[in-house]
Each structure stands twice: as structure tokens, then as C-alpha cells.
Amino acid sequence: MNVWRTAAAGVGFVAVIGAVMYPIYFYPMQHIDEYKAVQKINRANVDKSKTQPADLTIWSDPFKPKT
């Protein structure tokens, strides 16, 4: 009887962790295009040179092919 209670507690713990992780990690990973569109809208009027610290270069995509 005590083994079943421990197993149920373990399964419950894993279920709670999964339920918490879904909206934080799994949903955004499954809806990448939606999040990219939102970021495009949010960053449209941001001047990158004003948000960067003085000695750092403006961020660029390291995976973008160099032309």
C-alpha cells in the first residue's frame, strides 16, 4: 500500500512539472512562426544602436550566411 502511495506521489510530481513546463517551453517551441511574427512587430521601432552598450557591436545573427 505504501509503495502505491509513493508511486502516485512521484507520478503526480512529474505531471505537475510537465504541466508547468508546457506553456513556458513546449508551446513556444511548437509555435515558432507565431513568436517570430510577434517579435518582428515588437522590435520594429527599436533602434539597435541606442540599446547596445557603448563598446559592443550591434548584434547580428551568427548563423546567417556571410555574403
N, C-alpha and C. Protein backbone atom coordinates (compact mmCIF):
# COMPACT_ATOMS: atom_id res chain seq x y z
N MET A 1 0.82 -1.19 0.00
CA MET A 1 0.00 0.00 0.00
C MET A 1 0.87 1.26 0.00
N ASN A 2 1.92 1.27 0.78
CA ASN A 2 2.80 2.41 0.87
C ASN A 2 3.56 2.63 -0.44
N VAL A 3 3.86 1.56 -1.17
CA VAL A 3 4.55 1.67 -2.45
C VAL A 3 3.67 2.39 -3.46
N TRP A 4 2.39 2.08 -3.47
CA TRP A 4 1.46 2.73 -4.40
C TRP A 4 1.34 4.22 -4.11
N ARG A 5 1.35 4.57 -2.86
CA ARG A 5 1.25 5.98 -2.49
C ARG A 5 2.51 6.73 -2.93
N THR A 6 3.66 6.12 -2.77
CA THR A 6 4.91 6.73 -3.19
C THR A 6 4.95 6.86 -4.71
N ALA A 7 4.51 5.82 -5.41
CA ALA A 7 4.48 5.87 -6.87
C ALA A 7 3.51 6.95 -7.35
N ALA A 8 2.36 7.06 -6.72
CA ALA A 8 1.39 8.08 -7.11
C ALA A 8 1.94 9.49 -6.85
N ALA A 9 2.66 9.66 -5.77
CA ALA A 9 3.28 10.95 -5.48
C ALA A 9 4.33 11.29 -6.54
N GLY A 10 5.11 10.30 -6.93
CA GLY A 10 6.13 10.51 -7.97
C GLY A 10 5.51 10.86 -9.31
N VAL A 11 4.47 10.14 -9.69
CA VAL A 11 3.78 10.42 -10.95
C VAL A 11 3.13 11.79 -10.89
N GLY A 12 2.54 12.13 -9.76
CA GLY A 12 1.94 13.44 -9.60
C GLY A 12 2.95 14.56 -9.72
N PHE A 13 4.11 14.36 -9.14
CA PHE A 13 5.18 15.35 -9.21
C PHE A 13 5.62 15.57 -10.66
N VAL A 14 5.81 14.48 -11.39
CA VAL A 14 6.21 14.58 -12.79
C VAL A 14 5.11 15.26 -13.61
N ALA A 15 3.86 14.96 -13.31
CA ALA A 15 2.74 15.58 -14.03
C ALA A 15 2.69 17.08 -13.77
N VAL A 16 2.93 17.49 -12.54
CA VAL A 16 2.93 18.92 -12.21
C VAL A 16 4.07 19.63 -12.93
N ILE A 17 5.24 19.04 -12.94
CA ILE A 17 6.38 19.64 -13.65
C ILE A 17 6.08 19.75 -15.14
N GLY A 18 5.48 18.70 -15.71
CA GLY A 18 5.11 18.75 -17.13
C GLY A 18 4.08 19.82 -17.42
N ALA A 19 3.10 19.97 -16.54
CA ALA A 19 2.06 20.99 -16.72
C ALA A 19 2.64 22.39 -16.61
N VAL A 20 3.62 22.57 -15.77
CA VAL A 20 4.25 23.88 -15.62
C VAL A 20 5.16 24.18 -16.81
N MET A 21 5.85 23.18 -17.33
CA MET A 21 6.79 23.39 -18.42
C MET A 21 6.11 23.60 -19.77
N TYR A 22 4.88 23.11 -19.95
CA TYR A 22 4.24 23.21 -21.25
C TYR A 22 4.10 24.65 -21.74
N PRO A 23 3.50 25.57 -20.97
CA PRO A 23 3.35 26.93 -21.51
C PRO A 23 4.67 27.71 -21.56
N ILE A 24 5.64 27.29 -20.79
CA ILE A 24 6.92 28.01 -20.75
C ILE A 24 7.85 27.55 -21.86
N TYR A 25 7.90 26.26 -22.12
CA TYR A 25 8.90 25.72 -23.05
C TYR A 25 8.28 25.08 -24.29
N PHE A 26 7.36 24.16 -24.11
CA PHE A 26 6.88 23.36 -25.24
C PHE A 26 5.97 24.13 -26.18
N TYR A 27 5.06 24.96 -25.68
CA TYR A 27 4.16 25.73 -26.54
C TYR A 27 4.94 26.67 -27.46
N PRO A 28 5.88 27.47 -26.94
CA PRO A 28 6.65 28.34 -27.85
C PRO A 28 7.47 27.56 -28.88
N MET A 29 7.97 26.41 -28.51
CA MET A 29 8.76 25.62 -29.46
C MET A 29 7.88 25.04 -30.57
N GLN A 30 6.61 24.84 -30.32
CA GLN A 30 5.69 24.31 -31.32
C GLN A 30 5.07 25.42 -32.18
N HIS A 31 5.17 26.66 -31.76
CA HIS A 31 4.58 27.79 -32.47
C HIS A 31 5.64 28.85 -32.77
N ILE A 32 6.72 28.46 -33.38
CA ILE A 32 7.85 29.35 -33.63
C ILE A 32 7.46 30.51 -34.55
N ASP A 33 6.71 30.22 -35.61
CA ASP A 33 6.35 31.28 -36.56
C ASP A 33 5.51 32.38 -35.90
N GLU A 34 4.62 31.99 -35.01
CA GLU A 34 3.79 32.96 -34.30
C GLU A 34 4.66 33.87 -33.43
N TYR A 35 5.64 33.31 -32.75
CA TYR A 35 6.51 34.10 -31.89
C TYR A 35 7.45 34.99 -32.72
N LYS A 36 7.89 34.52 -33.88
CA LYS A 36 8.72 35.35 -34.75
C LYS A 36 7.94 36.55 -35.24
N ALA A 37 6.66 36.36 -35.59
CA ALA A 37 5.83 37.47 -36.05
C ALA A 37 5.64 38.50 -34.94
N VAL A 38 5.42 38.05 -33.73
CA VAL A 38 5.24 38.97 -32.60
C VAL A 38 6.53 39.75 -32.35
N GLN A 39 7.67 39.08 -32.41
CA GLN A 39 8.95 39.77 -32.19
C GLN A 39 9.23 40.79 -33.27
N LYS A 40 8.84 40.49 -34.51
CA LYS A 40 9.03 41.45 -35.59
C LYS A 40 8.24 42.73 -35.32
N ILE A 41 7.01 42.57 -34.83
CA ILE A 41 6.17 43.73 -34.52
C ILE A 41 6.76 44.50 -33.33
N ASN A 42 7.17 43.77 -32.29
CA ASN A 42 7.68 44.42 -31.08
C ASN A 42 9.00 45.15 -31.30
N ARG A 43 9.81 44.67 -32.24
CA ARG A 43 11.13 45.26 -32.44
C ARG A 43 11.19 46.19 -33.65
N ALA A 44 10.06 46.49 -34.24
CA ALA A 44 10.04 47.29 -35.47
C ALA A 44 10.59 48.70 -35.24
N ASN A 45 10.26 49.32 -34.15
CA ASN A 45 10.67 50.71 -33.92
C ASN A 45 11.83 50.84 -32.94
N VAL A 46 12.56 49.78 -32.70
CA VAL A 46 13.67 49.82 -31.76
C VAL A 46 14.96 50.13 -32.51
N ASP A 47 15.66 51.15 -32.09
CA ASP A 47 16.95 51.48 -32.67
C ASP A 47 18.03 50.68 -31.95
N LYS A 48 18.59 49.71 -32.64
CA LYS A 48 19.56 48.80 -32.01
C LYS A 48 20.80 49.54 -31.51
N SER A 49 21.21 50.57 -32.19
CA SER A 49 22.42 51.28 -31.77
C SER A 49 22.23 52.01 -30.44
N LYS A 50 20.98 52.35 -30.09
CA LYS A 50 20.72 53.03 -28.82
C LYS A 50 20.58 52.05 -27.66
N THR A 51 20.26 50.81 -27.95
CA THR A 51 20.08 49.83 -26.87
C THR A 51 21.36 49.08 -26.55
N GLN A 52 22.35 49.14 -27.39
CA GLN A 52 23.61 48.45 -27.16
C GLN A 52 24.51 49.26 -26.22
N PRO A 53 25.25 48.58 -25.35
CA PRO A 53 26.26 49.29 -24.55
C PRO A 53 27.31 49.90 -25.47
N ALA A 54 28.02 50.89 -24.98
CA ALA A 54 28.92 51.70 -25.81
C ALA A 54 29.99 50.91 -26.55
N ASP A 55 30.63 49.94 -25.91
CA ASP A 55 31.77 49.27 -26.52
C ASP A 55 31.42 48.00 -27.30
N LEU A 56 30.16 47.63 -27.34
CA LEU A 56 29.78 46.40 -28.02
C LEU A 56 29.21 46.69 -29.40
N THR A 57 29.43 45.78 -30.33
CA THR A 57 28.88 45.95 -31.66
C THR A 57 27.41 45.54 -31.66
N ILE A 58 26.68 45.98 -32.66
CA ILE A 58 25.27 45.63 -32.78
C ILE A 58 25.17 44.14 -33.07
N TRP A 59 24.23 43.47 -32.39
CA TRP A 59 24.08 42.03 -32.53
C TRP A 59 23.65 41.68 -33.94
N SER A 60 24.23 40.61 -34.45
CA SER A 60 23.80 40.08 -35.74
C SER A 60 23.67 38.57 -35.60
N ASP A 61 22.94 37.97 -36.50
CA ASP A 61 22.67 36.54 -36.45
C ASP A 61 23.94 35.76 -36.78
N PRO A 62 24.48 34.96 -35.85
CA PRO A 62 25.72 34.24 -36.12
C PRO A 62 25.53 33.10 -37.11
N PHE A 63 24.29 32.67 -37.36
CA PHE A 63 24.05 31.55 -38.26
C PHE A 63 23.69 31.99 -39.67
N LYS A 64 23.57 33.29 -39.85
CA LYS A 64 23.24 33.80 -41.18
C LYS A 64 24.46 33.69 -42.08
N PRO A 65 24.29 33.19 -43.30
CA PRO A 65 25.44 33.07 -44.20
C PRO A 65 26.03 34.44 -44.53
N LYS A 66 27.33 34.51 -44.54
CA LYS A 66 28.00 35.77 -44.84
C LYS A 66 28.02 35.96 -46.36
N THR A 67 27.62 37.16 -46.78
CA THR A 67 27.60 37.42 -48.23
C THR A 67 28.58 38.47 -48.61
